[in-house]
C-alpha cells in the first residue's frame, strides 16, 4: 500500500480525502505541520506557494488543498480569504452581510484546488467547483466551515445536512479530489 500525506489541520478535509482514496491502494495520512497561505488573487497561487514552501521541508509525496467560497453579491468575497473570514465572522457574519440580499441574488461558487507534490518534481494542480446559493440561516450539523449556509445547485439541502459520502459526490472538493484520484488511476 502506498502512503500519501495530506498536509492539513482540517480533520474534515482529511476524512473526505480518505473516503475518496479508499478506492485505490493508497493510505492518506494527515499531517498538521502548517504552512503560510499568501494573500493572492487565485486559489492556484495560494496552493503553488504552499507547495513551494513545503517542498523545502518535506521529502515525501504529499497533497495540500485550498478552497474558497466566492459570493456573487459580495463581488467574490470572501474568496481566497475564506478561512480567515470564517474564523473572524463565521457563517453568521456572512449571513449578516447578505441580510438585505434577495433569495434569487444569493448565488455563490465553492472552489477547490488540490496540489500534489513528489520530491524533485513539478507540482500538479487539480481544480473543482460547485455552484449554489447562500441560505438565509445556518442549517445542518455535518461538515465544516461554510457548509451550513451553502446549498448546491439542484439540491434543497445545505452541505451540512448531507453525509460526507453524499457531499463528496458533487462538492467542489469532491470534484478536484476526483481529478487527483483519476491521475493516480492513470499512472
N, C-alpha and C. Protein backbone atom coordinates (compact mmCIF):
# COMPACT_ATOMS: atom_id res chain seq x y z
N UNK A 1 0.84 -1.18 0.00
CA UNK A 1 0.00 0.00 0.00
C UNK A 1 0.88 1.25 0.00
N UNK A 2 0.57 2.18 -0.86
CA UNK A 2 1.30 3.44 -0.95
C UNK A 2 0.75 4.41 0.09
N UNK A 3 1.63 5.23 0.64
CA UNK A 3 1.24 6.25 1.61
C UNK A 3 1.33 7.62 0.96
N UNK A 4 0.31 8.44 1.17
CA UNK A 4 0.28 9.81 0.69
C UNK A 4 -0.10 10.69 1.86
N UNK A 5 0.73 11.68 2.13
CA UNK A 5 0.48 12.57 3.25
C UNK A 5 -0.39 13.75 2.80
N UNK A 6 -1.40 14.05 3.60
CA UNK A 6 -2.26 15.21 3.36
C UNK A 6 -1.90 16.22 4.43
N UNK A 7 -1.25 17.30 4.02
CA UNK A 7 -0.81 18.31 4.96
C UNK A 7 -1.96 19.30 5.17
N UNK A 8 -2.63 19.12 6.30
CA UNK A 8 -3.77 19.96 6.65
C UNK A 8 -4.05 19.82 8.14
N UNK A 9 -4.57 20.86 8.72
CA UNK A 9 -5.03 20.80 10.10
C UNK A 9 -6.52 20.51 10.17
N UNK A 10 -7.16 20.40 9.01
CA UNK A 10 -8.61 20.24 8.93
C UNK A 10 -8.98 18.75 8.86
N UNK A 11 -9.51 18.22 9.95
CA UNK A 11 -9.86 16.80 10.00
C UNK A 11 -10.99 16.45 9.03
N UNK A 12 -11.88 17.40 8.77
CA UNK A 12 -12.97 17.16 7.82
C UNK A 12 -12.45 16.95 6.41
N UNK A 13 -11.48 17.78 6.01
CA UNK A 13 -10.87 17.61 4.68
C UNK A 13 -10.16 16.26 4.59
N UNK A 14 -9.44 15.90 5.65
CA UNK A 14 -8.71 14.63 5.66
C UNK A 14 -9.67 13.45 5.55
N UNK A 15 -10.79 13.51 6.26
CA UNK A 15 -11.78 12.44 6.20
C UNK A 15 -12.35 12.31 4.79
N UNK A 16 -12.68 13.43 4.16
CA UNK A 16 -13.19 13.39 2.79
C UNK A 16 -12.18 12.73 1.86
N UNK A 17 -10.90 13.09 1.99
CA UNK A 17 -9.86 12.52 1.14
C UNK A 17 -9.70 11.02 1.40
N UNK A 18 -9.69 10.62 2.66
CA UNK A 18 -9.56 9.20 2.99
C UNK A 18 -10.68 8.39 2.36
N UNK A 19 -11.88 8.92 2.42
CA UNK A 19 -13.04 8.20 1.86
C UNK A 19 -12.90 8.08 0.34
N UNK A 20 -12.50 9.14 -0.33
CA UNK A 20 -12.35 9.12 -1.79
C UNK A 20 -11.20 8.20 -2.20
N UNK A 21 -10.09 8.23 -1.47
CA UNK A 21 -8.92 7.42 -1.82
C UNK A 21 -9.09 5.95 -1.45
N UNK A 22 -10.16 5.62 -0.74
CA UNK A 22 -10.36 4.23 -0.34
C UNK A 22 -10.55 3.31 -1.54
N UNK A 23 -10.86 3.86 -2.72
CA UNK A 23 -11.00 3.04 -3.93
C UNK A 23 -9.64 2.62 -4.50
N UNK A 24 -8.58 3.26 -4.04
CA UNK A 24 -7.22 2.94 -4.51
C UNK A 24 -6.44 2.27 -3.37
N UNK A 25 -5.28 1.77 -3.69
CA UNK A 25 -4.42 1.17 -2.68
C UNK A 25 -3.47 2.24 -2.13
N UNK A 26 -4.07 3.36 -1.70
CA UNK A 26 -3.29 4.49 -1.18
C UNK A 26 -3.86 4.90 0.17
N UNK A 27 -2.98 4.92 1.17
CA UNK A 27 -3.39 5.34 2.50
C UNK A 27 -3.11 6.83 2.66
N UNK A 28 -4.12 7.57 3.07
CA UNK A 28 -3.97 9.00 3.34
C UNK A 28 -3.66 9.17 4.82
N UNK A 29 -2.55 9.85 5.10
CA UNK A 29 -2.18 10.15 6.48
C UNK A 29 -2.15 11.67 6.64
N UNK A 30 -2.95 12.15 7.58
CA UNK A 30 -2.99 13.58 7.83
C UNK A 30 -1.77 14.02 8.62
N UNK A 31 -1.16 15.11 8.17
CA UNK A 31 -0.04 15.72 8.89
C UNK A 31 -0.36 17.19 9.07
N UNK A 32 -0.38 17.64 10.28
CA UNK A 32 -0.68 19.04 10.58
C UNK A 32 0.63 19.75 10.91
N UNK A 33 1.38 20.11 9.85
CA UNK A 33 2.66 20.79 10.08
C UNK A 33 2.60 22.27 9.72
N UNK A 34 1.53 22.70 9.12
CA UNK A 34 1.33 24.12 8.83
C UNK A 34 2.24 24.67 7.75
N UNK A 35 1.73 25.65 7.06
CA UNK A 35 2.48 26.36 6.04
C UNK A 35 1.79 27.70 5.81
N UNK A 36 2.53 28.71 5.36
CA UNK A 36 1.91 30.02 5.17
C UNK A 36 0.98 30.04 3.96
N UNK A 37 -0.11 30.75 4.11
CA UNK A 37 -1.03 30.97 2.99
C UNK A 37 -0.92 32.45 2.61
N UNK A 38 -0.44 32.68 1.41
CA UNK A 38 -0.24 34.06 0.97
C UNK A 38 -1.56 34.72 0.61
N UNK A 39 -1.53 36.04 0.58
CA UNK A 39 -2.66 36.82 0.07
C UNK A 39 -2.47 36.89 -1.44
N UNK A 40 -3.37 36.29 -2.18
CA UNK A 40 -3.23 36.21 -3.63
C UNK A 40 -4.60 36.35 -4.28
N UNK A 41 -4.62 36.42 -5.59
CA UNK A 41 -5.87 36.57 -6.32
C UNK A 41 -6.58 35.25 -6.60
N UNK A 42 -5.81 34.15 -6.66
CA UNK A 42 -6.43 32.86 -7.01
C UNK A 42 -6.00 31.77 -6.03
N UNK A 43 -6.84 30.75 -5.96
CA UNK A 43 -6.53 29.59 -5.13
C UNK A 43 -5.29 28.87 -5.66
N UNK A 44 -5.11 28.88 -6.98
CA UNK A 44 -3.95 28.23 -7.58
C UNK A 44 -2.65 28.87 -7.08
N UNK A 45 -2.63 30.19 -6.99
CA UNK A 45 -1.43 30.88 -6.49
C UNK A 45 -1.15 30.51 -5.04
N UNK A 46 -2.20 30.44 -4.24
CA UNK A 46 -2.06 30.07 -2.83
C UNK A 46 -1.51 28.64 -2.72
N UNK A 47 -2.06 27.72 -3.51
CA UNK A 47 -1.62 26.32 -3.48
C UNK A 47 -0.17 26.19 -3.95
N UNK A 48 0.18 26.88 -5.02
CA UNK A 48 1.58 26.81 -5.53
C UNK A 48 2.57 27.31 -4.49
N UNK A 49 2.23 28.42 -3.82
CA UNK A 49 3.12 28.96 -2.80
C UNK A 49 3.27 27.96 -1.66
N UNK A 50 2.15 27.35 -1.24
CA UNK A 50 2.20 26.35 -0.17
C UNK A 50 3.07 25.17 -0.52
N UNK A 51 2.94 24.67 -1.75
CA UNK A 51 3.76 23.54 -2.19
C UNK A 51 5.23 23.95 -2.23
N UNK A 52 5.54 25.10 -2.81
CA UNK A 52 6.94 25.56 -2.87
C UNK A 52 7.56 25.63 -1.48
N UNK A 53 6.82 26.14 -0.54
CA UNK A 53 7.29 26.25 0.84
C UNK A 53 7.53 24.86 1.44
N UNK A 54 6.56 23.97 1.27
CA UNK A 54 6.65 22.64 1.88
C UNK A 54 7.69 21.74 1.22
N UNK A 55 7.93 21.92 -0.08
CA UNK A 55 8.93 21.08 -0.76
C UNK A 55 10.32 21.26 -0.16
N UNK A 56 10.58 22.40 0.44
CA UNK A 56 11.88 22.64 1.08
C UNK A 56 12.00 21.94 2.43
N UNK A 57 10.87 21.53 2.99
CA UNK A 57 10.85 20.93 4.32
C UNK A 57 10.46 19.46 4.33
N UNK A 58 9.70 19.02 3.32
CA UNK A 58 9.13 17.68 3.29
C UNK A 58 9.76 16.88 2.16
N UNK A 59 10.18 15.66 2.44
CA UNK A 59 10.87 14.83 1.44
C UNK A 59 10.06 13.58 1.09
N UNK A 60 8.76 13.70 1.07
CA UNK A 60 7.89 12.58 0.72
C UNK A 60 6.70 13.14 -0.09
N UNK A 61 6.00 12.29 -0.83
CA UNK A 61 4.84 12.75 -1.60
C UNK A 61 3.75 13.29 -0.66
N UNK A 62 3.15 14.40 -1.05
CA UNK A 62 2.09 14.98 -0.23
C UNK A 62 1.09 15.73 -1.09
N UNK A 63 -0.06 15.99 -0.47
CA UNK A 63 -1.07 16.83 -1.08
C UNK A 63 -1.44 17.95 -0.11
N UNK A 64 -1.86 19.06 -0.68
CA UNK A 64 -2.46 20.13 0.10
C UNK A 64 -3.71 20.56 -0.66
N UNK A 65 -4.59 21.27 0.01
CA UNK A 65 -5.81 21.73 -0.64
C UNK A 65 -6.15 23.12 -0.14
N UNK A 66 -6.58 23.96 -1.05
CA UNK A 66 -7.08 25.27 -0.66
C UNK A 66 -8.45 25.44 -1.31
N UNK A 67 -9.35 26.03 -0.57
CA UNK A 67 -10.71 26.21 -1.08
C UNK A 67 -11.20 27.59 -0.69
N UNK A 68 -12.22 28.04 -1.40
CA UNK A 68 -12.81 29.33 -1.09
C UNK A 68 -14.26 29.39 -1.52
N UNK A 69 -15.00 30.23 -0.83
CA UNK A 69 -16.38 30.50 -1.15
C UNK A 69 -16.45 31.87 -1.81
N UNK A 70 -16.93 31.90 -3.04
CA UNK A 70 -16.99 33.13 -3.83
C UNK A 70 -18.46 33.52 -4.00
N UNK A 71 -18.87 34.60 -3.32
CA UNK A 71 -20.28 35.01 -3.30
C UNK A 71 -20.48 36.16 -4.29
N UNK A 72 -21.36 35.94 -5.25
CA UNK A 72 -21.60 36.92 -6.32
C UNK A 72 -22.00 38.30 -5.77
N UNK A 73 -22.95 38.35 -4.84
CA UNK A 73 -23.45 39.63 -4.33
C UNK A 73 -22.38 40.41 -3.55
N UNK A 74 -21.31 39.73 -3.17
CA UNK A 74 -20.20 40.38 -2.45
C UNK A 74 -18.96 40.48 -3.33
N UNK A 75 -19.18 40.48 -4.65
CA UNK A 75 -18.08 40.58 -5.62
C UNK A 75 -17.00 39.53 -5.42
N UNK A 76 -17.42 38.31 -5.08
CA UNK A 76 -16.47 37.20 -4.92
C UNK A 76 -15.92 37.04 -3.53
N UNK A 77 -16.23 37.94 -2.62
CA UNK A 77 -15.80 37.84 -1.23
C UNK A 77 -16.53 36.67 -0.57
N UNK A 78 -15.93 35.92 0.32
CA UNK A 78 -14.59 36.03 0.85
C UNK A 78 -13.49 35.42 -0.02
N UNK A 79 -13.84 34.59 -1.01
CA UNK A 79 -12.86 34.08 -1.97
C UNK A 79 -11.65 33.44 -1.34
N UNK A 80 -10.45 33.90 -1.76
CA UNK A 80 -9.21 33.31 -1.25
C UNK A 80 -8.99 33.59 0.24
N UNK A 81 -9.78 34.48 0.80
CA UNK A 81 -9.67 34.81 2.23
C UNK A 81 -10.71 34.06 3.07
N UNK A 82 -11.31 33.03 2.50
CA UNK A 82 -12.43 32.33 3.15
C UNK A 82 -12.10 31.80 4.53
N UNK A 83 -10.95 31.17 4.70
CA UNK A 83 -10.60 30.61 6.02
C UNK A 83 -10.47 31.73 7.05
N UNK A 84 -9.76 32.79 6.70
CA UNK A 84 -9.58 33.91 7.61
C UNK A 84 -10.92 34.53 7.99
N UNK A 85 -11.76 34.77 6.98
CA UNK A 85 -13.07 35.38 7.21
C UNK A 85 -13.94 34.46 8.07
N UNK A 86 -13.87 33.15 7.81
CA UNK A 86 -14.65 32.22 8.62
C UNK A 86 -14.26 32.31 10.09
N UNK A 87 -12.96 32.34 10.36
CA UNK A 87 -12.51 32.39 11.75
C UNK A 87 -12.82 33.73 12.41
N UNK A 88 -12.95 34.77 11.62
CA UNK A 88 -13.25 36.10 12.18
C UNK A 88 -14.75 36.33 12.36
N UNK A 89 -15.58 35.99 11.35
CA UNK A 89 -17.01 36.31 11.45
C UNK A 89 -17.92 35.09 11.29
N UNK A 90 -17.38 33.98 10.79
CA UNK A 90 -18.15 32.75 10.66
C UNK A 90 -19.33 32.84 9.71
N UNK A 91 -20.15 31.82 9.75
CA UNK A 91 -21.34 31.77 8.89
C UNK A 91 -22.30 32.90 9.23
N UNK A 92 -22.45 33.18 10.53
CA UNK A 92 -23.38 34.24 10.94
C UNK A 92 -22.96 35.60 10.39
N UNK A 93 -21.67 35.85 10.32
CA UNK A 93 -21.18 37.11 9.77
C UNK A 93 -21.47 37.23 8.29
N UNK A 94 -21.31 36.14 7.55
CA UNK A 94 -21.63 36.14 6.11
C UNK A 94 -23.13 36.39 5.93
N UNK A 95 -23.96 35.72 6.73
CA UNK A 95 -25.40 35.92 6.63
C UNK A 95 -25.78 37.37 6.94
N UNK A 96 -25.10 37.97 7.88
CA UNK A 96 -25.36 39.39 8.20
C UNK A 96 -25.01 40.28 7.01
N UNK A 97 -23.90 39.99 6.34
CA UNK A 97 -23.52 40.76 5.15
C UNK A 97 -24.56 40.64 4.04
N UNK A 98 -25.27 39.53 4.02
CA UNK A 98 -26.26 39.26 2.97
C UNK A 98 -27.70 39.46 3.42
N UNK A 99 -27.92 40.02 4.61
CA UNK A 99 -29.27 40.07 5.16
C UNK A 99 -30.28 40.82 4.29
N UNK A 100 -29.85 41.77 3.48
CA UNK A 100 -30.77 42.51 2.61
C UNK A 100 -30.73 42.04 1.16
N UNK A 101 -30.07 40.92 0.91
CA UNK A 101 -29.97 40.39 -0.45
C UNK A 101 -31.07 39.36 -0.66
N UNK A 102 -31.86 39.54 -1.71
CA UNK A 102 -32.97 38.64 -2.02
C UNK A 102 -32.47 37.23 -2.30
N UNK A 103 -33.36 36.27 -2.11
CA UNK A 103 -33.01 34.86 -2.29
C UNK A 103 -32.41 34.58 -3.67
N UNK A 104 -32.99 35.12 -4.73
CA UNK A 104 -32.52 34.86 -6.08
C UNK A 104 -31.17 35.49 -6.42
N UNK A 105 -30.69 36.35 -5.54
CA UNK A 105 -29.41 37.03 -5.80
C UNK A 105 -28.32 36.60 -4.82
N UNK A 106 -28.48 35.41 -4.24
CA UNK A 106 -27.52 34.91 -3.24
C UNK A 106 -26.63 33.81 -3.83
N UNK A 107 -26.35 33.93 -5.12
CA UNK A 107 -25.54 32.90 -5.80
C UNK A 107 -24.10 32.92 -5.28
N UNK A 108 -23.52 31.73 -5.27
CA UNK A 108 -22.14 31.57 -4.80
C UNK A 108 -21.52 30.37 -5.48
N UNK A 109 -20.21 30.33 -5.47
CA UNK A 109 -19.47 29.19 -6.00
C UNK A 109 -18.40 28.79 -5.00
N UNK A 110 -18.39 27.52 -4.65
CA UNK A 110 -17.31 26.96 -3.85
C UNK A 110 -16.25 26.47 -4.84
N UNK A 111 -15.01 26.84 -4.64
CA UNK A 111 -13.91 26.37 -5.49
C UNK A 111 -12.85 25.69 -4.62
N UNK A 112 -12.19 24.70 -5.22
CA UNK A 112 -11.16 23.93 -4.53
C UNK A 112 -10.00 23.66 -5.48
N UNK A 113 -8.79 23.69 -4.93
CA UNK A 113 -7.60 23.30 -5.69
C UNK A 113 -6.77 22.36 -4.82
N UNK A 114 -6.54 21.15 -5.34
CA UNK A 114 -5.60 20.22 -4.72
C UNK A 114 -4.28 20.35 -5.43
N UNK A 115 -3.20 20.33 -4.65
CA UNK A 115 -1.85 20.30 -5.22
C UNK A 115 -1.19 19.01 -4.77
N UNK A 116 -0.59 18.30 -5.73
CA UNK A 116 0.12 17.06 -5.44
C UNK A 116 1.60 17.29 -5.71
N UNK A 117 2.43 16.88 -4.77
CA UNK A 117 3.87 17.09 -4.89
C UNK A 117 4.64 15.81 -4.61
N UNK A 118 5.62 15.55 -5.46
CA UNK A 118 6.59 14.48 -5.23
C UNK A 118 7.96 15.14 -5.19
N UNK A 119 8.86 14.63 -4.36
CA UNK A 119 10.20 15.22 -4.30
C UNK A 119 10.86 15.31 -5.68
N UNK A 120 11.40 16.48 -6.00
CA UNK A 120 12.14 16.67 -7.24
C UNK A 120 11.28 16.84 -8.49
N UNK A 121 9.97 16.89 -8.33
CA UNK A 121 9.09 17.04 -9.49
C UNK A 121 8.24 18.29 -9.36
N UNK A 122 7.79 18.78 -10.50
CA UNK A 122 6.90 19.94 -10.52
C UNK A 122 5.54 19.54 -9.95
N UNK A 123 4.96 20.36 -9.08
CA UNK A 123 3.66 20.00 -8.51
C UNK A 123 2.55 20.04 -9.56
N UNK A 124 1.53 19.24 -9.32
CA UNK A 124 0.37 19.19 -10.20
C UNK A 124 -0.83 19.76 -9.45
N UNK A 125 -1.67 20.54 -10.17
CA UNK A 125 -2.85 21.15 -9.56
C UNK A 125 -4.11 20.56 -10.18
N UNK A 126 -5.13 20.37 -9.34
CA UNK A 126 -6.41 19.81 -9.76
C UNK A 126 -7.51 20.68 -9.16
N UNK A 127 -8.34 21.29 -10.02
CA UNK A 127 -9.36 22.23 -9.56
C UNK A 127 -10.77 21.69 -9.75
N UNK A 128 -11.66 22.11 -8.87
CA UNK A 128 -13.08 21.75 -8.97
C UNK A 128 -13.92 22.87 -8.40
N UNK A 129 -15.18 22.92 -8.82
CA UNK A 129 -16.08 23.92 -8.28
C UNK A 129 -17.50 23.39 -8.20
N UNK A 130 -18.27 24.02 -7.34
CA UNK A 130 -19.68 23.68 -7.15
C UNK A 130 -20.45 24.99 -7.01
N UNK A 131 -21.43 25.19 -7.88
CA UNK A 131 -22.26 26.39 -7.83
C UNK A 131 -23.44 26.14 -6.90
N UNK A 132 -23.94 27.24 -6.32
CA UNK A 132 -25.09 27.12 -5.43
C UNK A 132 -25.56 28.48 -4.96
N UNK A 133 -26.23 28.48 -3.81
CA UNK A 133 -26.72 29.71 -3.21
C UNK A 133 -26.42 29.70 -1.71
N UNK A 134 -26.49 30.89 -1.14
CA UNK A 134 -26.30 31.02 0.30
C UNK A 134 -27.69 31.04 0.95
N UNK A 135 -27.87 30.19 1.94
CA UNK A 135 -29.15 30.10 2.65
C UNK A 135 -29.40 31.37 3.45
N UNK A 136 -30.59 31.47 4.02
CA UNK A 136 -30.96 32.63 4.86
C UNK A 136 -30.56 32.41 6.32
N UNK A 137 -30.25 31.15 6.65
CA UNK A 137 -29.86 30.83 8.04
C UNK A 137 -28.93 29.63 8.05
N UNK A 138 -28.30 29.39 9.18
CA UNK A 138 -27.44 28.23 9.37
C UNK A 138 -28.32 26.99 9.50
N UNK A 139 -28.02 25.97 8.67
CA UNK A 139 -28.84 24.74 8.66
C UNK A 139 -27.93 23.52 8.59
N UNK A 140 -28.11 22.59 9.53
CA UNK A 140 -27.39 21.32 9.48
C UNK A 140 -26.24 21.24 10.45
N UNK A 141 -25.86 20.01 10.78
CA UNK A 141 -24.81 19.80 11.78
C UNK A 141 -23.62 19.01 11.29
N UNK A 142 -23.55 18.70 9.99
CA UNK A 142 -22.42 17.94 9.45
C UNK A 142 -21.44 18.91 8.79
N UNK A 143 -20.32 18.36 8.35
CA UNK A 143 -19.36 19.14 7.58
C UNK A 143 -18.60 20.13 8.44
N UNK A 144 -18.14 21.20 7.78
CA UNK A 144 -17.32 22.20 8.46
C UNK A 144 -17.35 23.49 7.66
N UNK A 145 -16.78 24.53 8.22
CA UNK A 145 -16.69 25.81 7.52
C UNK A 145 -18.06 26.36 7.13
N UNK A 146 -18.19 26.74 5.87
CA UNK A 146 -19.42 27.35 5.36
C UNK A 146 -20.49 26.33 4.95
N UNK A 147 -20.26 25.06 5.20
CA UNK A 147 -21.22 24.02 4.81
C UNK A 147 -22.65 24.31 5.29
N UNK A 148 -22.86 24.87 6.50
CA UNK A 148 -24.24 25.10 6.96
C UNK A 148 -25.00 26.21 6.23
N UNK A 149 -24.33 26.98 5.37
CA UNK A 149 -25.04 28.06 4.66
C UNK A 149 -24.98 27.91 3.14
N UNK A 150 -24.34 26.85 2.65
CA UNK A 150 -24.20 26.67 1.20
C UNK A 150 -25.13 25.57 0.71
N UNK A 151 -26.03 25.94 -0.21
CA UNK A 151 -26.96 24.99 -0.83
C UNK A 151 -26.52 24.79 -2.28
N UNK A 152 -26.01 23.61 -2.63
CA UNK A 152 -25.56 23.39 -4.00
C UNK A 152 -26.72 23.42 -5.00
N UNK A 153 -26.40 23.80 -6.23
CA UNK A 153 -27.39 23.83 -7.30
C UNK A 153 -28.12 22.50 -7.40
N UNK A 154 -29.41 22.58 -7.70
CA UNK A 154 -30.27 21.42 -7.90
C UNK A 154 -30.49 20.59 -6.64
N UNK A 155 -30.22 21.18 -5.48
CA UNK A 155 -30.44 20.50 -4.20
C UNK A 155 -31.21 21.42 -3.26
N UNK A 156 -31.87 20.83 -2.30
CA UNK A 156 -32.65 21.60 -1.33
C UNK A 156 -31.96 21.68 0.03
N UNK A 157 -30.89 20.90 0.20
CA UNK A 157 -30.20 20.84 1.49
C UNK A 157 -28.85 21.55 1.42
N UNK A 158 -28.40 22.06 2.57
CA UNK A 158 -27.04 22.59 2.66
C UNK A 158 -26.07 21.42 2.72
N UNK A 159 -24.79 21.72 2.47
CA UNK A 159 -23.76 20.68 2.62
C UNK A 159 -23.78 20.09 4.04
N UNK A 160 -24.11 20.93 5.03
CA UNK A 160 -24.10 20.48 6.43
C UNK A 160 -25.26 19.54 6.75
N UNK A 161 -26.22 19.42 5.84
CA UNK A 161 -27.33 18.49 6.03
C UNK A 161 -27.05 17.16 5.34
N UNK A 162 -25.93 17.06 4.65
CA UNK A 162 -25.59 15.86 3.89
C UNK A 162 -24.52 15.05 4.59
N UNK A 163 -24.51 13.75 4.32
CA UNK A 163 -23.42 12.91 4.81
C UNK A 163 -22.16 13.26 4.00
N UNK A 164 -21.01 12.85 4.49
CA UNK A 164 -19.77 13.09 3.77
C UNK A 164 -19.80 12.43 2.40
N UNK A 165 -20.35 11.21 2.33
CA UNK A 165 -20.43 10.49 1.06
C UNK A 165 -21.30 11.26 0.06
N UNK A 166 -22.44 11.75 0.51
CA UNK A 166 -23.36 12.48 -0.36
C UNK A 166 -22.71 13.78 -0.85
N UNK A 167 -22.10 14.51 0.06
CA UNK A 167 -21.44 15.77 -0.28
C UNK A 167 -20.30 15.53 -1.27
N UNK A 168 -19.53 14.47 -1.05
CA UNK A 168 -18.37 14.16 -1.92
C UNK A 168 -18.77 13.87 -3.36
N UNK A 169 -20.03 13.49 -3.59
CA UNK A 169 -20.46 13.17 -4.95
C UNK A 169 -20.39 14.35 -5.89
N UNK A 170 -20.57 15.56 -5.38
CA UNK A 170 -20.64 16.71 -6.28
C UNK A 170 -20.03 18.00 -5.72
N UNK A 171 -19.43 17.95 -4.55
CA UNK A 171 -18.85 19.17 -3.98
C UNK A 171 -17.62 19.62 -4.76
N UNK A 172 -17.24 20.85 -4.56
CA UNK A 172 -16.04 21.42 -5.17
C UNK A 172 -14.81 20.58 -4.84
N UNK A 173 -14.69 20.22 -3.56
CA UNK A 173 -13.54 19.43 -3.12
C UNK A 173 -13.63 18.02 -3.67
N UNK A 174 -14.84 17.48 -3.73
CA UNK A 174 -15.04 16.16 -4.30
C UNK A 174 -14.62 16.12 -5.76
N UNK A 175 -14.92 17.19 -6.50
CA UNK A 175 -14.57 17.25 -7.93
C UNK A 175 -13.06 17.37 -8.13
N UNK A 176 -12.41 18.24 -7.36
CA UNK A 176 -10.96 18.38 -7.52
C UNK A 176 -10.25 17.11 -7.06
N UNK A 177 -10.76 16.50 -6.01
CA UNK A 177 -10.19 15.26 -5.50
C UNK A 177 -10.38 14.12 -6.49
N UNK A 178 -11.51 14.09 -7.16
CA UNK A 178 -11.76 13.07 -8.18
C UNK A 178 -10.75 13.19 -9.32
N UNK A 179 -10.41 14.41 -9.70
CA UNK A 179 -9.39 14.61 -10.74
C UNK A 179 -8.03 14.10 -10.27
N UNK A 180 -7.71 14.35 -9.01
CA UNK A 180 -6.45 13.85 -8.44
C UNK A 180 -6.45 12.33 -8.41
N UNK A 181 -7.55 11.73 -8.01
CA UNK A 181 -7.65 10.27 -7.97
C UNK A 181 -7.53 9.68 -9.37
N UNK A 182 -8.16 10.31 -10.35
CA UNK A 182 -8.03 9.84 -11.74
C UNK A 182 -6.59 9.90 -12.22
N UNK A 183 -5.85 10.91 -11.77
CA UNK A 183 -4.42 10.99 -12.10
C UNK A 183 -3.71 9.74 -11.56
N UNK A 184 -3.99 9.37 -10.31
CA UNK A 184 -3.35 8.19 -9.73
C UNK A 184 -3.78 6.90 -10.43
N UNK A 185 -5.03 6.84 -10.85
CA UNK A 185 -5.51 5.66 -11.56
C UNK A 185 -4.78 5.47 -12.89
N UNK A 186 -4.34 6.58 -13.50
CA UNK A 186 -3.72 6.53 -14.84
C UNK A 186 -2.20 6.42 -14.81
N UNK A 187 -1.58 6.46 -13.63
CA UNK A 187 -0.11 6.35 -13.61
C UNK A 187 0.32 4.95 -13.19
